[in-house]
Structures are given as C-alpha cells and as structure tokens.
PDB file of N, CA and C in Angstrom:
ATOM      1  N   UNK A   1     -74.330 -39.929  40.689  1.00  0.00           N
ATOM      2  CA  UNK A   1     -74.971 -40.304  41.670  1.00  0.00           C
ATOM      3  C   UNK A   1     -73.891 -40.390  42.741  1.00  0.00           C
ATOM      4  N   UNK A   2     -73.018 -41.055  42.527  1.00  0.00           N
ATOM      5  CA  UNK A   2     -72.127 -40.822  43.703  1.00  0.00           C
ATOM      6  C   UNK A   2     -71.620 -39.560  44.152  1.00  0.00           C
ATOM      7  N   UNK A   3     -71.568 -38.382  43.074  1.00  0.00           N
ATOM      8  CA  UNK A   3     -71.101 -37.332  43.729  1.00  0.00           C
ATOM      9  C   UNK A   3     -71.813 -36.929  44.587  1.00  0.00           C
ATOM     10  N   UNK A   4     -73.579 -37.205  44.603  1.00  0.00           N
ATOM     11  CA  UNK A   4     -74.452 -36.655  44.672  1.00  0.00           C
ATOM     12  C   UNK A   4     -74.355 -36.481  46.609  1.00  0.00           C
ATOM     13  N   UNK A   5     -73.991 -38.431  46.298  1.00  0.00           N
ATOM     14  CA  UNK A   5     -74.112 -38.596  48.058  1.00  0.00           C
ATOM     15  C   UNK A   5     -73.169 -38.712  48.463  1.00  0.00           C
ATOM     16  N   UNK A   6     -71.689 -38.226  47.598  1.00  0.00           N
ATOM     17  CA  UNK A   6     -70.411 -38.377  48.354  1.00  0.00           C
ATOM     18  C   UNK A   6     -70.019 -39.864  48.860  1.00  0.00           C
ATOM     19  N   UNK A   7     -70.172 -40.485  47.720  1.00  0.00           N
ATOM     20  CA  UNK A   7     -69.645 -41.813  48.145  1.00  0.00           C
ATOM     21  C   UNK A   7     -68.417 -42.015  46.943  1.00  0.00           C
ATOM     22  N   UNK A   8     -67.732 -43.292  47.705  1.00  0.00           N
ATOM     23  CA  UNK A   8     -66.734 -43.973  46.971  1.00  0.00           C
ATOM     24  C   UNK A   8     -66.382 -45.116  46.880  1.00  0.00           C
ATOM     25  N   UNK A   9     -65.684 -45.911  46.388  1.00  0.00           N
ATOM     26  CA  UNK A   9     -65.674 -47.058  45.857  1.00  0.00           C
ATOM     27  C   UNK A   9     -64.085 -47.928  46.058  1.00  0.00           C
ATOM     28  N   UNK A  10     -64.520 -48.988  45.841  1.00  0.00           N
ATOM     29  CA  UNK A  10     -63.240 -49.561  46.082  1.00  0.00           C
ATOM     30  C   UNK A  10     -63.497 -50.935  44.864  1.00  0.00           C
ATOM     31  N   UNK A  11     -62.517 -50.392  44.151  1.00  0.00           N
ATOM     32  CA  UNK A  11     -62.403 -51.787  42.727  1.00  0.00           C
ATOM     33  C   UNK A  11     -61.685 -53.353  42.530  1.00  0.00           C
ATOM     34  N   UNK A  12     -63.013 -53.556  42.917  1.00  0.00           N
ATOM     35  CA  UNK A  12     -62.463 -55.193  43.117  1.00  0.00           C
ATOM     36  C   UNK A  12     -62.219 -55.334  41.230  1.00  0.00           C
ATOM     37  N   UNK A  13     -61.112 -55.837  41.282  1.00  0.00           N
ATOM     38  CA  UNK A  13     -60.319 -55.948  39.765  1.00  0.00           C
ATOM     39  C   UNK A  13     -59.658 -57.059  39.587  1.00  0.00           C
ATOM     40  N   UNK A  14     -59.789 -58.569  40.341  1.00  0.00           N
ATOM     41  CA  UNK A  14     -59.048 -59.785  40.095  1.00  0.00           C
ATOM     42  C   UNK A  14     -60.404 -60.261  40.934  1.00  0.00           C
ATOM     43  N   UNK A  15     -60.732 -62.019  40.525  1.00  0.00           N
ATOM     44  CA  UNK A  15     -61.372 -62.867  41.243  1.00  0.00           C
ATOM     45  C   UNK A  15     -61.345 -63.212  42.315  1.00  0.00           C
ATOM     46  N   UNK A  16     -61.457 -63.591  43.259  1.00  0.00           N
ATOM     47  CA  UNK A  16     -60.587 -64.567  44.313  1.00  0.00           C
ATOM     48  C   UNK A  16     -61.362 -66.400  44.578  1.00  0.00           C
ATOM     49  N   UNK A  17     -62.038 -66.580  43.847  1.00  0.00           N
ATOM     50  CA  UNK A  17     -62.928 -67.649  43.731  1.00  0.00           C
ATOM     51  C   UNK A  17     -61.786 -68.861  43.103  1.00  0.00           C
ATOM     52  N   UNK A  18     -60.656 -69.622  43.741  1.00  0.00           N
ATOM     53  CA  UNK A  18     -59.610 -70.487  42.989  1.00  0.00           C
ATOM     54  C   UNK A  18     -60.185 -71.096  41.735  1.00  0.00           C
ATOM     55  N   UNK A  19     -61.030 -71.990  42.546  1.00  0.00           N
ATOM     56  CA  UNK A  19     -61.776 -72.631  41.199  1.00  0.00           C
ATOM     57  C   UNK A  19     -62.176 -72.052  40.048  1.00  0.00           C
ATOM     58  N   UNK A  20     -62.269 -71.168  39.864  1.00  0.00           N
ATOM     59  CA  UNK A  20     -62.622 -70.290  39.256  1.00  0.00           C
ATOM     60  C   UNK A  20     -62.116 -69.588  38.031  1.00  0.00           C
ATOM     61  N   UNK A  21     -60.763 -69.316  39.148  1.00  0.00           N
ATOM     62  CA  UNK A  21     -59.336 -69.131  38.580  1.00  0.00           C
ATOM     63  C   UNK A  21     -59.168 -70.511  37.474  1.00  0.00           C
ATOM     64  N   UNK A  22     -58.943 -71.322  37.944  1.00  0.00           N
ATOM     65  CA  UNK A  22     -58.411 -72.941  37.771  1.00  0.00           C
ATOM     66  C   UNK A  22     -59.193 -73.232  36.558  1.00  0.00           C
ATOM     67  N   UNK A  23     -60.435 -73.065  36.230  1.00  0.00           N
ATOM     68  CA  UNK A  23     -61.686 -73.456  35.260  1.00  0.00           C
ATOM     69  C   UNK A  23     -61.502 -72.376  34.263  1.00  0.00           C
ATOM     70  N   UNK A  24     -61.135 -71.190  34.455  1.00  0.00           N
ATOM     71  CA  UNK A  24     -61.043 -69.854  33.349  1.00  0.00           C
ATOM     72  C   UNK A  24     -59.314 -70.796  32.830  1.00  0.00           C
ATOM     73  N   UNK A  25     -58.797 -70.672  33.393  1.00  0.00           N
ATOM     74  CA  UNK A  25     -57.241 -71.345  32.391  1.00  0.00           C
ATOM     75  C   UNK A  25     -57.593 -72.313  31.600  1.00  0.00           C
ATOM     76  N   UNK A  26     -58.092 -73.328  32.288  1.00  0.00           N
ATOM     77  CA  UNK A  26     -58.407 -74.410  31.773  1.00  0.00           C
ATOM     78  C   UNK A  26     -59.020 -74.967  30.299  1.00  0.00           C
ATOM     79  N   UNK A  27     -60.086 -73.997  30.582  1.00  0.00           N
ATOM     80  CA  UNK A  27     -61.194 -73.255  29.077  1.00  0.00           C
ATOM     81  C   UNK A  27     -60.267 -72.592  28.222  1.00  0.00           C
ATOM     82  N   UNK A  28     -59.756 -71.422  28.582  1.00  0.00           N
ATOM     83  CA  UNK A  28     -58.525 -71.097  28.259  1.00  0.00           C
ATOM     84  C   UNK A  28     -57.689 -71.773  26.982  1.00  0.00           C
ATOM     85  N   UNK A  29     -56.879 -72.293  27.703  1.00  0.00           N
ATOM     86  CA  UNK A  29     -55.352 -72.711  27.283  1.00  0.00           C
ATOM     87  C   UNK A  29     -55.990 -73.784  26.822  1.00  0.00           C
ATOM     88  N   UNK A  30     -56.679 -75.005  27.086  1.00  0.00           N
ATOM     89  CA  UNK A  30     -56.923 -75.806  26.839  1.00  0.00           C
ATOM     90  C   UNK A  30     -58.603 -76.496  26.116  1.00  0.00           C
ATOM     91  N   UNK A  31     -59.013 -75.216  26.014  1.00  0.00           N
ATOM     92  CA  UNK A  31     -60.713 -75.828  25.092  1.00  0.00           C
ATOM     93  C   UNK A  31     -61.307 -76.531  25.703  1.00  0.00           C
ATOM     94  N   UNK A  32     -60.672 -77.423  27.100  1.00  0.00           N
ATOM     95  CA  UNK A  32     -61.658 -78.595  27.972  1.00  0.00           C
ATOM     96  C   UNK A  32     -62.934 -77.319  28.625  1.00  0.00           C
ATOM     97  N   UNK A  33     -63.919 -78.347  28.357  1.00  0.00           N
ATOM     98  CA  UNK A  33     -65.172 -78.217  28.731  1.00  0.00           C
ATOM     99  C   UNK A  33     -65.960 -79.335  29.532  1.00  0.00           C
ATOM    100  N   UNK A  34     -66.078 -80.191  28.603  1.00  0.00           N
ATOM    101  CA  UNK A  34     -66.074 -81.126  28.803  1.00  0.00           C
ATOM    102  C   UNK A  34     -65.224 -81.823  30.269  1.00  0.00           C
ATOM    103  N   UNK A  35     -66.146 -82.414  31.319  1.00  0.00           N
ATOM    104  CA  UNK A  35     -65.375 -83.022  32.679  1.00  0.00           C
ATOM    105  C   UNK A  35     -64.807 -81.587  33.384  1.00  0.00           C
ATOM    106  N   UNK A  36     -65.197 -80.443  33.099  1.00  0.00           N
ATOM    107  CA  UNK A  36     -64.849 -79.867  33.867  1.00  0.00           C
ATOM    108  C   UNK A  36     -64.768 -79.303  35.291  1.00  0.00           C
ATOM    109  N   UNK A  37     -65.381 -80.076  35.887  1.00  0.00           N
ATOM    110  CA  UNK A  37     -64.989 -79.883  37.764  1.00  0.00           C
ATOM    111  C   UNK A  37     -64.195 -81.160  38.002  1.00  0.00           C
ATOM    112  N   UNK A  38     -64.135 -82.301  37.227  1.00  0.00           N
ATOM    113  CA  UNK A  38     -63.177 -84.109  37.002  1.00  0.00           C
ATOM    114  C   UNK A  38     -61.936 -82.895  37.118  1.00  0.00           C
ATOM    115  N   UNK A  39     -61.521 -82.187  36.105  1.00  0.00           N
ATOM    116  CA  UNK A  39     -60.652 -81.859  36.040  1.00  0.00           C
ATOM    117  C   UNK A  39     -59.780 -80.687  36.834  1.00  0.00           C
ATOM    118  N   UNK A  40     -60.914 -79.844  37.414  1.00  0.00           N
ATOM    119  CA  UNK A  40     -60.436 -79.142  37.908  1.00  0.00           C
ATOM    120  C   UNK A  40     -59.769 -80.261  39.522  1.00  0.00           C
ATOM    121  N   UNK A  41     -60.735 -81.177  40.124  1.00  0.00           N
ATOM    122  CA  UNK A  41     -60.429 -81.806  40.962  1.00  0.00           C
ATOM    123  C   UNK A  41     -58.591 -82.401  40.877  1.00  0.00           C
ATOM    124  N   UNK A  42     -58.708 -82.254  39.435  1.00  0.00           N
ATOM    125  CA  UNK A  42     -56.943 -83.690  39.246  1.00  0.00           C
ATOM    126  C   UNK A  42     -56.118 -82.045  39.645  1.00  0.00           C
ATOM    127  N   UNK A  43     -56.973 -81.186  39.082  1.00  0.00           N
ATOM    128  CA  UNK A  43     -55.918 -79.828  39.528  1.00  0.00           C
ATOM    129  C   UNK A  43     -55.123 -79.234  40.829  1.00  0.00           C
ATOM    130  N   UNK A  44     -56.012 -79.239  41.507  1.00  0.00           N
ATOM    131  CA  UNK A  44     -56.658 -79.589  43.117  1.00  0.00           C
ATOM    132  C   UNK A  44     -55.921 -80.385  43.858  1.00  0.00           C
ATOM    133  N   UNK A  45     -55.803 -81.886  43.086  1.00  0.00           N
ATOM    134  CA  UNK A  45     -54.717 -82.641  43.563  1.00  0.00           C
ATOM    135  C   UNK A  45     -53.363 -82.657  43.399  1.00  0.00           C
ATOM    136  N   UNK A  46     -52.731 -82.058  42.062  1.00  0.00           N
ATOM    137  CA  UNK A  46     -51.512 -81.898  41.733  1.00  0.00           C
ATOM    138  C   UNK A  46     -50.855 -80.475  42.721  1.00  0.00           C
ATOM    139  N   UNK A  47     -51.770 -79.362  42.922  1.00  0.00           N
ATOM    140  CA  UNK A  47     -51.235 -78.321  43.798  1.00  0.00           C
ATOM    141  C   UNK A  47     -51.033 -79.263  44.829  1.00  0.00           C
ATOM    142  N   UNK A  48     -52.245 -79.299  45.775  1.00  0.00           N
ATOM    143  CA  UNK A  48     -52.185 -80.041  47.175  1.00  0.00           C
ATOM    144  C   UNK A  48     -50.617 -81.270  47.383  1.00  0.00           C
ATOM    145  N   UNK A  49     -50.540 -81.926  46.206  1.00  0.00           N
ATOM    146  CA  UNK A  49     -49.524 -82.640  46.068  1.00  0.00           C
ATOM    147  C   UNK A  49     -48.074 -81.951  45.828  1.00  0.00           C
ATOM    148  N   UNK A  50     -48.253 -80.880  45.851  1.00  0.00           N
ATOM    149  CA  UNK A  50     -47.243 -79.861  45.469  1.00  0.00           C
ATOM    150  C   UNK A  50     -46.230 -79.575  44.071  1.00  0.00           C
ATOM    151  N   UNK A  51     -46.946 -81.108  43.356  1.00  0.00           N
ATOM    152  CA  UNK A  51     -46.599 -81.007  41.792  1.00  0.00           C
ATOM    153  C   UNK A  51     -46.779 -80.034  40.792  1.00  0.00           C
ATOM    154  N   UNK A  52     -47.471 -78.961  41.099  1.00  0.00           N
ATOM    155  CA  UNK A  52     -48.273 -78.010  40.612  1.00  0.00           C
ATOM    156  C   UNK A  52     -47.828 -77.082  41.192  1.00  0.00           C
ATOM    157  N   UNK A  53     -47.341 -75.600  40.574  1.00  0.00           N
ATOM    158  CA  UNK A  53     -47.631 -74.397  41.005  1.00  0.00           C
ATOM    159  C   UNK A  53     -48.496 -73.372  41.219  1.00  0.00           C
ATOM    160  N   UNK A  54     -49.775 -73.051  42.108  1.00  0.00           N
ATOM    161  CA  UNK A  54     -51.259 -72.663  42.465  1.00  0.00           C
ATOM    162  C   UNK A  54     -50.776 -70.712  41.393  1.00  0.00           C
ATOM    163  N   UNK A  55     -49.271 -70.421  41.527  1.00  0.00           N
ATOM    164  CA  UNK A  55     -49.469 -69.100  40.516  1.00  0.00           C
ATOM    165  C   UNK A  55     -49.932 -68.969  39.708  1.00  0.00           C
ATOM    166  N   UNK A  56     -49.456 -70.342  38.774  1.00  0.00           N
ATOM    167  CA  UNK A  56     -49.745 -70.289  37.175  1.00  0.00           C
ATOM    168  C   UNK A  56     -51.582 -70.015  36.890  1.00  0.00           C
ATOM    169  N   UNK A  57     -52.158 -70.121  37.818  1.00  0.00           N
ATOM    170  CA  UNK A  57     -53.448 -69.257  37.634  1.00  0.00           C
ATOM    171  C   UNK A  57     -53.848 -68.495  37.814  1.00  0.00           C
ATOM    172  N   UNK A  58     -52.991 -67.315  38.417  1.00  0.00           N
ATOM    173  CA  UNK A  58     -53.479 -65.834  38.854  1.00  0.00           C
ATOM    174  C   UNK A  58     -53.371 -65.303  37.376  1.00  0.00           C
ATOM    175  N   UNK A  59     -54.387 -64.329  37.430  1.00  0.00           N
ATOM    176  CA  UNK A  59     -54.466 -63.633  36.283  1.00  0.00           C
ATOM    177  C   UNK A  59     -53.590 -62.725  36.275  1.00  0.00           C
ATOM    178  N   UNK A  60     -53.491 -62.369  34.776  1.00  0.00           N
ATOM    179  CA  UNK A  60     -52.015 -61.543  34.213  1.00  0.00           C
ATOM    180  C   UNK A  60     -52.138 -60.010  34.724  1.00  0.00           C
ATOM    181  N   UNK A  61     -51.309 -59.636  35.180  1.00  0.00           N
ATOM    182  CA  UNK A  61     -51.173 -57.806  35.332  1.00  0.00           C
ATOM    183  C   UNK A  61     -52.083 -57.023  34.710  1.00  0.00           C
ATOM    184  N   UNK A  62     -52.069 -57.431  34.009  1.00  0.00           N
ATOM    185  CA  UNK A  62     -52.376 -56.822  32.067  1.00  0.00           C
ATOM    186  C   UNK A  62     -54.113 -57.056  32.131  1.00  0.00           C
ATOM    187  N   UNK A  63     -54.345 -57.905  32.632  1.00  0.00           N
ATOM    188  CA  UNK A  63     -55.971 -58.105  32.070  1.00  0.00           C
ATOM    189  C   UNK A  63     -56.682 -57.153  33.973  1.00  0.00           C
ATOM    190  N   UNK A  64     -55.694 -57.678  35.118  1.00  0.00           N
ATOM    191  CA  UNK A  64     -56.132 -56.551  35.924  1.00  0.00           C
ATOM    192  C   UNK A  64     -56.174 -54.666  35.781  1.00  0.00           C
ATOM    193  N   UNK A  65     -55.006 -54.641  35.081  1.00  0.00           N
ATOM    194  CA  UNK A  65     -55.056 -53.270  34.937  1.00  0.00           C
ATOM    195  C   UNK A  65     -55.832 -52.497  33.945  1.00  0.00           C
ATOM    196  N   UNK A  66     -56.146 -53.544  33.153  1.00  0.00           N
ATOM    197  CA  UNK A  66     -57.506 -53.187  32.147  1.00  0.00           C
ATOM    198  C   UNK A  66     -58.426 -53.095  32.587  1.00  0.00           C
ATOM    199  N   UNK A  67     -58.783 -53.741  33.668  1.00  0.00           N
ATOM    200  CA  UNK A  67     -60.107 -53.516  34.584  1.00  0.00           C
ATOM    201  C   UNK A  67     -59.944 -52.376  35.415  1.00  0.00           C
ATOM    202  N   UNK A  68     -59.083 -52.542  36.233  1.00  0.00           N
ATOM    203  CA  UNK A  68     -58.695 -51.185  37.102  1.00  0.00           C
ATOM    204  C   UNK A  68     -59.233 -50.139  35.759  1.00  0.00           C
ATOM    205  N   UNK A  69     -58.872 -49.538  34.573  1.00  0.00           N
ATOM    206  CA  UNK A  69     -58.725 -48.975  34.153  1.00  0.00           C
ATOM    207  C   UNK A  69     -59.860 -48.547  33.181  1.00  0.00           C
ATOM    208  N   UNK A  70     -60.891 -49.311  33.165  1.00  0.00           N
ATOM    209  CA  UNK A  70     -62.550 -49.684  33.045  1.00  0.00           C
ATOM    210  C   UNK A  70     -63.092 -48.640  34.368  1.00  0.00           C
ATOM    211  N   UNK A  71     -63.021 -48.956  35.439  1.00  0.00           N
ATOM    212  CA  UNK A  71     -63.910 -48.623  36.363  1.00  0.00           C
ATOM    213  C   UNK A  71     -63.511 -47.352  36.302  1.00  0.00           C
ATOM    214  N   UNK A  72     -61.911 -46.509  36.505  1.00  0.00           N
ATOM    215  CA  UNK A  72     -61.942 -45.429  36.363  1.00  0.00           C
ATOM    216  C   UNK A  72     -62.371 -44.457  35.299  1.00  0.00           C
ATOM    217  N   UNK A  73     -62.648 -45.262  33.996  1.00  0.00           N
ATOM    218  CA  UNK A  73     -63.261 -44.145  33.336  1.00  0.00           C
ATOM    219  C   UNK A  73     -64.583 -44.281  33.488  1.00  0.00           C
ATOM    220  N   UNK A  74     -65.375 -45.520  34.254  1.00  0.00           N
ATOM    221  CA  UNK A  74     -66.726 -45.090  34.349  1.00  0.00           C
ATOM    222  C   UNK A  74     -66.966 -44.521  35.380  1.00  0.00           C
ATOM    223  N   UNK A  75     -66.331 -44.169  36.898  1.00  0.00           N
ATOM    224  CA  UNK A  75     -66.250 -43.582  37.382  1.00  0.00           C
ATOM    225  C   UNK A  75     -65.365 -42.396  38.012  1.00  0.00           C
ATOM    226  N   UNK A  76     -64.183 -42.779  37.797  1.00  0.00           N
ATOM    227  CA  UNK A  76     -63.506 -41.396  37.566  1.00  0.00           C
ATOM    228  C   UNK A  76     -62.710 -42.180  38.947  1.00  0.00           C
ATOM    229  N   UNK A  77     -61.070 -41.381  38.541  1.00  0.00           N
ATOM    230  CA  UNK A  77     -60.502 -41.935  39.342  1.00  0.00           C
ATOM    231  C   UNK A  77     -60.331 -41.189  40.939  1.00  0.00           C
ATOM    232  N   UNK A  78     -60.818 -39.960  41.622  1.00  0.00           N
ATOM    233  CA  UNK A  78     -61.377 -39.561  42.338  1.00  0.00           C
ATOM    234  C   UNK A  78     -62.335 -40.033  43.014  1.00  0.00           C
ATOM    235  N   UNK A  79     -63.202 -41.078  42.660  1.00  0.00           N
ATOM    236  CA  UNK A  79     -63.984 -41.931  43.686  1.00  0.00           C
ATOM    237  C   UNK A  79     -63.426 -43.421  43.834  1.00  0.00           C
ATOM    238  N   UNK A  80     -62.769 -43.612  43.326  1.00  0.00           N
ATOM    239  CA  UNK A  80     -61.963 -44.811  43.370  1.00  0.00           C
ATOM    240  C   UNK A  80     -61.018 -44.674  44.417  1.00  0.00           C
ATOM    241  N   UNK A  81     -61.068 -45.385  46.159  1.00  0.00           N
ATOM    242  CA  UNK A  81     -60.154 -44.734  46.796  1.00  0.00           C
ATOM    243  C   UNK A  81     -59.230 -45.982  46.848  1.00  0.00           C
ATOM    244  N   UNK A  82     -59.563 -47.348  45.875  1.00  0.00           N
ATOM    245  CA  UNK A  82     -58.894 -48.255  46.415  1.00  0.00           C
ATOM    246  C   UNK A  82     -58.758 -49.538  45.321  1.00  0.00           C
ATOM    247  N   UNK A  83     -58.000 -50.384  44.732  1.00  0.00           N
ATOM    248  CA  UNK A  83     -58.806 -51.330  44.165  1.00  0.00           C
ATOM    249  C   UNK A  83     -57.809 -52.540  44.893  1.00  0.00           C
ATOM    250  N   UNK A  84     -58.170 -53.778  45.061  1.00  0.00           N
ATOM    251  CA  UNK A  84     -57.840 -55.278  45.640  1.00  0.00           C
ATOM    252  C   UNK A  84     -59.140 -56.464  44.926  1.00  0.00           C
ATOM    253  N   UNK A  85     -58.060 -57.853  45.169  1.00  0.00           N
ATOM    254  CA  UNK A  85     -59.084 -58.399  44.593  1.00  0.00           C
ATOM    255  C   UNK A  85     -60.611 -59.090  45.340  1.00  0.00           C
ATOM    256  N   UNK A  86     -61.300 -59.109  45.070  1.00  0.00           N
ATOM    257  CA  UNK A  86     -63.025 -59.272  45.099  1.00  0.00           C
ATOM    258  C   UNK A  86     -63.264 -59.306  46.428  1.00  0.00           C
ATOM    259  N   UNK A  87     -62.334 -60.630  47.045  1.00  0.00           N
ATOM    260  CA  UNK A  87     -63.030 -60.499  48.308  1.00  0.00           C
ATOM    261  C   UNK A  87     -61.883 -61.078  49.508  1.00  0.00           C
ATOM    262  N   UNK A  88     -62.289 -61.878  50.541  1.00  0.00           N
ATOM    263  CA  UNK A  88     -60.698 -62.056  50.774  1.00  0.00           C
ATOM    264  C   UNK A  88     -60.013 -63.641  49.886  1.00  0.00           C
ATOM    265  N   UNK A  89     -58.936 -63.756  50.535  1.00  0.00           N
ATOM    266  CA  UNK A  89     -58.248 -64.790  49.893  1.00  0.00           C
ATOM    267  C   UNK A  89     -58.010 -66.102  50.621  1.00  0.00           C
ATOM    268  N   UNK A  90     -58.842 -66.441  50.775  1.00  0.00           N
ATOM    269  CA  UNK A  90     -58.824 -67.677  51.838  1.00  0.00           C
ATOM    270  C   UNK A  90     -58.852 -69.275  51.130  1.00  0.00           C
ATOM    271  N   UNK A  91     -59.434 -69.133  49.786  1.00  0.00           N
ATOM    272  CA  UNK A  91     -59.380 -69.910  49.130  1.00  0.00           C
ATOM    273  C   UNK A  91     -58.241 -70.176  48.576  1.00  0.00           C
ATOM    274  N   UNK A  92     -57.933 -69.400  48.710  1.00  0.00           N
ATOM    275  CA  UNK A  92     -56.349 -69.932  47.506  1.00  0.00           C
ATOM    276  C   UNK A  92     -55.586 -70.733  48.100  1.00  0.00           C
ATOM    277  N   UNK A  93     -54.794 -71.688  47.790  1.00  0.00           N
ATOM    278  CA  UNK A  93     -54.184 -72.868  47.886  1.00  0.00           C
ATOM    279  C   UNK A  93     -52.511 -72.668  49.175  1.00  0.00           C
ATOM    280  N   UNK A  94     -52.095 -71.570  49.030  1.00  0.00           N
ATOM    281  CA  UNK A  94     -50.687 -71.257  49.685  1.00  0.00           C
ATOM    282  C   UNK A  94     -50.922 -69.710  50.228  1.00  0.00           C
ATOM    283  N   UNK A  95     -50.250 -68.968  50.696  1.00  0.00           N
ATOM    284  CA  UNK A  95     -50.122 -68.009  51.514  1.00  0.00           C
ATOM    285  C   UNK A  95     -49.048 -67.448  50.317  1.00  0.00           C
ATOM    286  N   UNK A  96     -47.917 -68.171  50.136  1.00  0.00           N
ATOM    287  CA  UNK A  96     -47.857 -67.382  48.670  1.00  0.00           C
ATOM    288  C   UNK A  96     -48.247 -66.947  47.563  1.00  0.00           C
ATOM    289  N   UNK A  97     -49.440 -67.974  47.362  1.00  0.00           N
ATOM    290  CA  UNK A  97     -50.172 -67.863  46.717  1.00  0.00           C
ATOM    291  C   UNK A  97     -50.759 -66.572  46.387  1.00  0.00           C
ATOM    292  N   UNK A  98     -51.149 -66.425  47.964  1.00  0.00           N
ATOM    293  CA  UNK A  98     -52.418 -64.903  47.606  1.00  0.00           C
ATOM    294  C   UNK A  98     -51.465 -63.939  48.035  1.00  0.00           C
ATOM    295  N   UNK A  99     -50.612 -64.087  48.360  1.00  0.00           N
ATOM    296  CA  UNK A  99     -49.519 -63.120  48.238  1.00  0.00           C
ATOM    297  C   UNK A  99     -48.968 -62.432  47.115  1.00  0.00           C
ATOM    298  N   UNK A 100     -49.237 -63.211  46.084  1.00  0.00           N
ATOM    299  CA  UNK A 100     -48.629 -62.807  44.126  1.00  0.00           C
ATOM    300  C   UNK A 100     -49.895 -61.992  43.816  1.00  0.00           C
ATOM    301  N   UNK A 101     -51.309 -62.719  44.431  1.00  0.00           N
ATOM    302  CA  UNK A 101     -52.217 -61.582  43.826  1.00  0.00           C
ATOM    303  C   UNK A 101     -52.093 -60.801  44.312  1.00  0.00           C
ATOM    304  N   UNK A 102     -52.260 -60.103  45.223  1.00  0.00           N
ATOM    305  CA  UNK A 102     -51.649 -59.100  46.398  1.00  0.00           C
ATOM    306  C   UNK A 102     -50.843 -57.961  45.337  1.00  0.00           C
ATOM    307  N   UNK A 103     -50.001 -58.759  44.950  1.00  0.00           N
ATOM    308  CA  UNK A 103     -48.682 -58.052  44.283  1.00  0.00           C
ATOM    309  C   UNK A 103     -48.906 -58.219  42.797  1.00  0.00           C
ATOM    310  N   UNK A 104     -50.003 -58.304  42.103  1.00  0.00           N
ATOM    311  CA  UNK A 104     -50.271 -58.513  41.158  1.00  0.00           C
ATOM    312  C   UNK A 104     -51.305 -57.163  41.248  1.00  0.00           C
ATOM    313  N   UNK A 105     -52.114 -57.448  41.779  1.00  0.00           N
ATOM    314  CA  UNK A 105     -52.867 -55.383  41.608  1.00  0.00           C
ATOM    315  C   UNK A 105     -52.413 -54.510  42.537  1.00  0.00           C
ATOM    316  N   UNK A 106     -51.223 -54.384  42.753  1.00  0.00           N
ATOM    317  CA  UNK A 106     -50.375 -53.353  43.518  1.00  0.00           C
ATOM    318  C   UNK A 106     -49.612 -53.208  42.382  1.00  0.00           C
ATOM    319  N   UNK A 107     -48.992 -53.783  41.852  1.00  0.00           N
ATOM    320  CA  UNK A 107     -48.335 -53.837  40.182  1.00  0.00           C
ATOM    321  C   UNK A 107     -49.268 -53.172  39.527  1.00  0.00           C
ATOM    322  N   UNK A 108     -50.293 -53.586  39.162  1.00  0.00           N
ATOM    323  CA  UNK A 108     -51.052 -53.177  38.320  1.00  0.00           C
ATOM    324  C   UNK A 108     -51.389 -51.606  38.388  1.00  0.00           C
ATOM    325  N   UNK A 109     -51.501 -51.335  39.782  1.00  0.00           N
ATOM    326  CA  UNK A 109     -52.044 -49.814  40.206  1.00  0.00           C
ATOM    327  C   UNK A 109     -51.028 -48.946  40.177  1.00  0.00           C
ATOM    328  N   UNK A 110     -49.642 -49.506  39.810  1.00  0.00           N
ATOM    329  CA  UNK A 110     -48.252 -48.882  40.200  1.00  0.00           C
ATOM    330  C   UNK A 110     -48.590 -48.709  37.927  1.00  0.00           C
ATOM    331  N   UNK A 111     -48.283 -49.540  37.642  1.00  0.00           N
ATOM    332  CA  UNK A 111     -48.090 -49.139  36.516  1.00  0.00           C
ATOM    333  C   UNK A 111     -49.771 -47.883  35.543  1.00  0.00           C
ATOM    334  N   UNK A 112     -50.682 -48.203  36.596  1.00  0.00           N
ATOM    335  CA  UNK A 112     -51.168 -46.818  35.933  1.00  0.00           C
ATOM    336  C   UNK A 112     -51.385 -45.469  36.280  1.00  0.00           C
ATOM    337  N   UNK A 113     -50.416 -45.797  37.882  1.00  0.00           N
ATOM    338  CA  UNK A 113     -50.077 -44.675  38.064  1.00  0.00           C
ATOM    339  C   UNK A 113     -48.858 -43.794  36.914  1.00  0.00           C
ATOM    340  N   UNK A 114     -47.791 -44.913  36.348  1.00  0.00           N
ATOM    341  CA  UNK A 114     -47.224 -44.337  35.535  1.00  0.00           C
ATOM    342  C   UNK A 114     -47.267 -44.035  33.996  1.00  0.00           C
ATOM    343  N   UNK A 115     -48.804 -44.127  33.842  1.00  0.00           N
ATOM    344  CA  UNK A 115     -49.691 -43.493  32.706  1.00  0.00           C
ATOM    345  C   UNK A 115     -49.547 -42.087  32.613  1.00  0.00           C
TER     346      UNK A 115
END
C-alpha cells in the first residue's frame, strides 16, 4: 500500500512518556507492581532533587535498534525516511536527558548502517 500511494514512514523507535520509562524500569528490575504510581512519584522527587540521574531510565540502544530493524523488515528500508522518538521530549526531566535520548536513537541508526 505504501508503494502504491508513494508514501513513506517515520519510525518511532523509543517512547517519550517519561513516566512510562520509569514504570518499565521499576517493573523490570525490581518486579514492583504494587503502589507503582507512588514509586514513580518518589523517583520523580529523587530526580528533581538531583539525587538520581534520569538517564538511567532511558531505553538501551539495543532495544531501539531492535525496533528499528523490525520496522525495516516490515516496510523496507526505502520506505523509512527517518527514525526518532515517538513524540516530543517535553516530558523529559532535563535537557541533557532529552539529548541523550536523541543520541541513543542516532547511535542505533548508525549501528544498523554498519551491518
């Protein structure tokens, strides 16, 4: 259908909802599912207080690369004009954290080019 209509895609390869990123890490690493919203609130306090680096909640480059590979396999590299985060990075706690997210997407894209 993309070819018939001569359309192209942007591959959204990492979430930008920072609460979701925090929840994923808590559930994965600590298996914490009860009171998850309370824990997320506590994490935000730690981040805002400068006691916790928000970059630890960003997705790993390999996960981003896996998603990009999947999209490319489904639609073909010629139909993917660019890859990026799902949406804007306004929910990110710091400018540096948002830049790190973009850097991770860029690195995942570069890794695929070298394969």
